[in-house]
Amino acid sequence: MKTDLYTKVILTIIAAALTANLLKGFITPAQAATTAKTVTLPVNVDGTIDVNIKSINTTSWAFSSSAAIPVEIKNK
């Protein structure tokens, strides 16, 4: 009797996994919004980008992951 229950449980788990794998193809993946602004940054020869941080007010965004950090981009 235990073997029968064990077999049914294992086959049910396999069936659920196969069904999930089948349904995975019908779900569309999430995509980022296409309205993002892009800029071209000057890249150094070694592949790095020079960054100059003027000041940071740590109390305004340090504990909030949704707040934007202000960035000013200037051409050299």
Protein backbone atom coordinates (compact mmCIF):
# COMPACT_ATOMS: atom_id res chain seq x y z
CA MET A 1 0.00 0.00 0.00
CA LYS A 2 2.86 2.41 0.81
CA THR A 3 4.50 1.66 -2.53
CA ASP A 4 1.30 2.52 -4.37
CA LEU A 5 0.97 5.87 -2.55
CA TYR A 6 4.66 6.65 -3.11
CA THR A 7 4.35 5.90 -6.83
CA LYS A 8 1.25 8.08 -7.16
CA VAL A 9 2.95 10.99 -5.38
CA ILE A 10 6.09 10.75 -7.53
CA LEU A 11 4.08 10.48 -10.75
CA THR A 12 1.94 13.45 -9.70
CA ILE A 13 5.07 15.54 -9.07
CA ILE A 14 6.48 14.54 -12.46
CA ALA A 15 3.18 15.36 -14.17
CA ALA A 16 3.05 18.77 -12.47
CA ALA A 17 6.62 19.53 -13.52
CA LEU A 18 5.94 18.51 -17.12
CA THR A 19 2.76 20.61 -17.19
CA ALA A 20 4.63 23.62 -15.80
CA ASN A 21 7.33 23.12 -18.43
CA LEU A 22 4.68 22.97 -21.16
CA LEU A 23 2.88 26.09 -19.94
CA LYS A 24 6.15 28.01 -19.65
CA GLY A 25 6.19 28.38 -23.43
CA PHE A 26 2.83 30.18 -23.44
CA ILE A 27 3.77 32.84 -20.89
CA THR A 28 5.26 35.98 -22.41
CA PRO A 29 8.36 37.23 -20.61
CA ALA A 30 8.36 40.65 -18.98
CA GLN A 31 10.00 43.40 -20.99
CA ALA A 32 11.36 46.76 -19.98
CA ALA A 33 9.71 49.91 -21.23
CA THR A 34 11.09 51.16 -24.53
CA THR A 35 10.88 54.83 -23.56
CA ALA A 36 14.28 54.86 -21.85
CA LYS A 37 16.57 57.78 -22.58
CA THR A 38 20.03 56.87 -23.80
CA VAL A 39 23.18 58.95 -23.96
CA THR A 40 26.63 58.33 -25.37
CA LEU A 41 29.41 58.51 -22.80
CA PRO A 42 33.07 59.00 -23.59
CA VAL A 43 34.96 55.81 -22.77
CA ASN A 44 38.65 55.75 -21.91
CA VAL A 45 41.11 53.56 -23.81
CA ASP A 46 41.06 50.95 -21.04
CA GLY A 47 37.24 50.78 -21.12
CA THR A 48 36.57 52.79 -17.96
CA ILE A 49 34.34 55.85 -17.66
CA ASP A 50 35.41 58.87 -15.61
CA VAL A 51 32.87 59.83 -12.94
CA ASN A 52 32.98 62.92 -10.75
CA ILE A 53 30.56 62.93 -7.81
CA LYS A 54 30.03 66.49 -6.60
CA SER A 55 27.96 65.82 -3.51
CA ILE A 56 25.49 63.35 -2.10
CA ASN A 57 22.70 64.04 0.34
CA THR A 58 22.61 60.60 1.99
CA THR A 59 19.38 61.20 3.86
CA SER A 60 17.32 61.77 0.71
CA TRP A 61 17.90 58.47 -1.09
CA ALA A 62 20.05 56.17 1.04
CA PHE A 63 17.16 54.06 2.28
CA SER A 64 14.87 54.36 -0.73
CA SER A 65 15.56 52.12 -3.70
CA SER A 66 12.96 53.84 -5.88
CA ALA A 67 14.37 57.37 -5.67
CA ALA A 68 16.55 58.47 -8.56
CA ILE A 69 20.09 59.70 -7.99
CA PRO A 70 20.67 62.97 -9.86
CA VAL A 71 23.34 62.68 -12.56
CA GLU A 72 24.76 65.53 -14.63
CA ILE A 73 26.54 64.54 -17.85
CA LYS A 74 28.96 66.98 -19.45
CA ASN A 75 31.10 66.52 -22.55
CA LYS A 76 34.79 67.21 -22.09
